[in-house]
Amino acid sequence: MAGVMKMVQAMAHGVLPRTLHADEPTPKVDWSSGVVSLLNRTVPWPRTGRPRRAGVSSFGISGTNAHLILEQAPAGDPPATAASEDGATSAPGTPSAAVPFPVSAKSAAGLRAQARRLHTEVAAHPGTSLLDTGFSLATTRAAFEHRAVVVARDREELLTSLQAVAEGQHRSGVSTSGPARRAR
């Protein structure tokens, strides 16, 4: 995550950060034959008319490796409101597409209770951004064995679906799962 954050900030500020933990390039590579070099100091990252791109790699001790390519976001501010088909706009944080709202617990009863608590919070705070709520549920909560994902386009759909999860009912737009069973 640190590498991703570092490169996002580098793109935003137009600076290529120096390479950490390597003071001189390896002599096993012929560095004179190309345009690749070790960044032993911070250098400006000029605009070229194309999006800036960067590769980030992570090598785990267990052999798990992750590689990704980041691309600079398009220029311009994100829209502050979502427009409906009739041209009307809604409040900031109101999704223009379906948003997933993951909920999990250690037991089926706990999952129903968690859905009830989330229903109560969403109902009590109508000004809260649905986008922020979905993002926070996905990124800040522990994932337990009993899970439900509610997919909703608006607050009313979210509340109705959370109520269904709280009551243990099946409903379109709700996916649930329990602990995985071992094959014998």
Protein backbone atom coordinates (compact mmCIF):
# COMPACT_ATOMS: atom_id res chain seq x y z
CA MET A 1 0.00 0.00 0.00
CA ALA A 2 2.85 2.38 0.75
CA GLY A 3 4.16 1.99 -2.82
CA VAL A 4 0.73 2.73 -4.26
CA MET A 5 0.29 5.81 -2.07
CA LYS A 6 3.80 6.99 -2.91
CA MET A 7 3.18 6.77 -6.67
CA VAL A 8 -0.25 8.40 -6.47
CA GLN A 9 1.35 11.34 -4.66
CA ALA A 10 4.23 11.39 -7.17
CA MET A 11 1.73 11.65 -10.04
CA ALA A 12 -0.25 14.36 -8.29
CA HIS A 13 2.85 16.45 -7.53
CA GLY A 14 4.73 15.78 -10.78
CA VAL A 15 7.84 14.43 -9.04
CA LEU A 16 9.68 11.13 -9.47
CA PRO A 17 10.94 10.11 -6.00
CA ARG A 18 14.45 8.81 -5.52
CA THR A 19 15.02 5.09 -5.19
CA LEU A 20 15.26 3.97 -1.59
CA HIS A 21 17.81 1.48 -0.32
CA ALA A 22 20.00 1.56 -3.47
CA ASP A 23 22.73 4.15 -3.85
CA GLU A 24 24.30 2.97 -7.09
CA PRO A 25 23.03 0.90 -10.03
CA THR A 26 24.05 -2.72 -10.27
CA PRO A 27 27.07 -3.32 -12.51
CA LYS A 28 25.33 -6.46 -13.87
CA VAL A 29 23.09 -4.31 -16.10
CA ASP A 30 24.28 -2.32 -19.11
CA TRP A 31 22.61 0.98 -18.18
CA SER A 32 24.09 2.86 -21.17
CA SER A 33 21.98 1.02 -23.74
CA GLY A 34 18.60 2.48 -22.77
CA VAL A 35 16.72 5.32 -21.16
CA VAL A 36 16.18 3.57 -17.84
CA SER A 37 18.24 4.78 -14.92
CA LEU A 38 18.38 4.50 -11.16
CA LEU A 39 16.76 7.51 -9.52
CA ASN A 40 19.39 8.49 -6.98
CA ARG A 41 17.71 11.86 -6.49
CA THR A 42 14.21 13.31 -6.83
CA VAL A 43 13.53 14.61 -10.34
CA PRO A 44 10.63 16.49 -11.96
CA TRP A 45 8.07 14.34 -13.78
CA PRO A 46 7.15 16.49 -16.80
CA ARG A 47 3.76 16.52 -18.48
CA THR A 48 3.93 14.99 -21.94
CA GLY A 49 0.31 15.23 -23.06
CA ARG A 50 -0.26 11.60 -22.03
CA PRO A 51 -1.34 10.26 -18.63
CA ARG A 52 1.49 9.48 -16.24
CA ARG A 53 1.84 5.75 -15.55
CA ALA A 54 3.81 3.87 -12.90
CA GLY A 55 4.36 0.24 -11.97
CA VAL A 56 4.24 -0.87 -8.35
CA SER A 57 5.41 -4.31 -7.22
CA SER A 58 5.27 -6.04 -3.87
CA PHE A 59 7.16 -9.22 -3.12
CA GLY A 60 5.97 -11.26 -0.16
CA ILE A 61 8.06 -13.59 1.95
CA SER A 62 5.61 -16.45 1.33
CA GLY A 63 6.00 -16.14 -2.43
CA THR A 64 2.88 -14.06 -2.89
CA ASN A 65 3.67 -11.26 -5.32
CA ALA A 66 1.48 -8.38 -6.41
CA HIS A 67 2.07 -6.11 -9.39
CA LEU A 68 -0.06 -3.29 -10.67
CA ILE A 69 0.10 -0.37 -13.05
CA LEU A 70 -1.30 2.98 -11.96
CA GLU A 71 -2.47 5.63 -14.40
CA GLN A 72 -3.02 9.29 -13.65
CA ALA A 73 -6.68 10.28 -13.34
CA PRO A 74 -8.14 12.46 -16.10
CA ALA A 75 -7.85 16.20 -15.55
CA GLY A 76 -10.82 18.06 -14.12
CA ASP A 77 -12.90 18.02 -10.99
CA PRO A 78 -15.26 15.12 -10.29
CA PRO A 79 -18.94 16.02 -10.58
CA ALA A 80 -20.42 17.30 -7.33
CA THR A 81 -23.90 15.96 -8.11
CA ALA A 82 -25.40 13.04 -9.95
CA ALA A 83 -27.86 13.77 -12.76
CA SER A 84 -30.88 11.55 -13.34
CA GLU A 85 -32.29 10.71 -16.77
CA ASP A 86 -34.67 13.67 -16.56
CA GLY A 87 -31.76 16.05 -15.89
CA ALA A 88 -32.51 16.63 -12.21
CA THR A 89 -29.55 16.53 -9.86
CA SER A 90 -29.25 14.91 -6.47
CA ALA A 91 -27.20 15.68 -3.39
CA PRO A 92 -23.45 15.05 -3.36
CA GLY A 93 -22.63 11.49 -2.34
CA THR A 94 -25.79 10.09 -3.94
CA PRO A 95 -24.75 7.32 -6.30
CA SER A 96 -25.63 7.43 -9.98
CA ALA A 97 -25.11 3.64 -10.12
CA ALA A 98 -25.59 0.76 -7.72
CA VAL A 99 -23.26 0.68 -4.71
CA PRO A 100 -22.30 -2.45 -2.74
CA PHE A 101 -22.73 -2.38 1.05
CA PRO A 102 -20.90 -5.37 2.61
CA VAL A 103 -21.87 -6.58 6.09
CA SER A 104 -20.35 -9.51 7.98
CA ALA A 105 -20.43 -11.22 11.36
CA LYS A 106 -19.18 -14.33 13.15
CA SER A 107 -22.63 -15.98 13.13
CA ALA A 108 -25.90 -15.87 11.21
CA ALA A 109 -27.59 -14.20 14.21
CA GLY A 110 -24.74 -11.68 14.38
CA LEU A 111 -25.17 -10.90 10.68
CA ARG A 112 -28.87 -10.17 11.18
CA ALA A 113 -28.05 -7.95 14.18
CA GLN A 114 -25.35 -6.12 12.23
CA ALA A 115 -27.82 -5.47 9.39
CA ARG A 116 -30.36 -4.11 11.93
CA ARG A 117 -27.73 -1.75 13.42
CA LEU A 118 -26.71 -0.50 9.97
CA HIS A 119 -30.39 -0.02 9.05
CA THR A 120 -30.89 2.07 12.21
CA GLU A 121 -27.83 4.23 11.45
CA VAL A 122 -28.75 4.82 7.79
CA ALA A 123 -32.34 5.69 8.74
CA ALA A 124 -31.22 8.04 11.54
CA HIS A 125 -28.74 9.97 9.36
CA PRO A 126 -30.44 10.72 6.02
CA GLY A 127 -27.77 13.27 5.02
CA THR A 128 -24.93 10.73 5.12
CA SER A 129 -23.36 9.94 1.75
CA LEU A 130 -24.27 6.48 0.49
CA LEU A 131 -21.01 6.35 -1.46
CA ASP A 132 -19.02 7.06 1.69
CA THR A 133 -21.02 4.49 3.65
CA GLY A 134 -20.41 1.75 1.08
CA PHE A 135 -16.71 2.66 0.84
CA SER A 136 -16.28 2.65 4.62
CA LEU A 137 -18.02 -0.70 5.01
CA ALA A 138 -15.77 -2.21 2.33
CA THR A 139 -12.47 -0.79 3.59
CA THR A 140 -12.68 -0.36 7.36
CA ARG A 141 -14.63 -3.35 8.62
CA ALA A 142 -13.42 -6.87 9.38
CA ALA A 143 -14.67 -9.62 7.06
CA PHE A 144 -16.14 -12.52 9.03
CA GLU A 145 -17.50 -15.88 7.86
CA HIS A 146 -21.17 -14.90 7.63
CA ARG A 147 -21.57 -12.24 4.96
CA ALA A 148 -24.13 -10.25 3.06
CA VAL A 149 -23.67 -7.70 0.32
CA VAL A 150 -26.55 -5.35 -0.34
CA VAL A 151 -26.44 -3.66 -3.74
CA ALA A 152 -28.57 -0.51 -3.78
CA ARG A 153 -29.06 2.59 -5.93
CA ASP A 154 -30.69 4.77 -3.29
CA ARG A 155 -31.36 5.06 0.43
CA GLU A 156 -34.84 3.48 0.26
CA GLU A 157 -33.54 0.41 -1.60
CA LEU A 158 -30.69 0.12 0.91
CA LEU A 159 -33.05 0.31 3.89
CA THR A 160 -35.46 -2.26 2.40
CA SER A 161 -32.61 -4.67 1.62
CA LEU A 162 -31.00 -4.25 5.06
CA GLN A 163 -34.37 -5.01 6.63
CA ALA A 164 -34.55 -8.21 4.56
CA VAL A 165 -31.08 -9.26 5.78
CA ALA A 166 -32.05 -8.41 9.38
CA GLU A 167 -35.10 -10.67 9.04
CA GLY A 168 -33.16 -13.47 7.31
CA GLN A 169 -35.17 -13.10 4.09
CA HIS A 170 -33.95 -13.48 0.52
CA ARG A 171 -34.29 -10.46 -1.73
CA SER A 172 -33.08 -9.36 -5.16
CA GLY A 173 -29.96 -7.21 -4.79
CA VAL A 174 -28.78 -9.10 -1.69
CA SER A 175 -26.17 -11.84 -1.73
CA THR A 176 -25.42 -13.84 1.41
CA SER A 177 -22.95 -16.57 2.32
CA GLY A 178 -21.93 -18.56 5.37
CA PRO A 179 -18.80 -20.45 6.29
CA ALA A 180 -17.23 -22.49 3.50
CA ARG A 181 -17.69 -26.23 3.89
CA ARG A 182 -14.72 -28.55 3.54
CA ALA A 183 -14.86 -31.29 0.91
CA ARG A 184 -14.58 -34.78 2.40
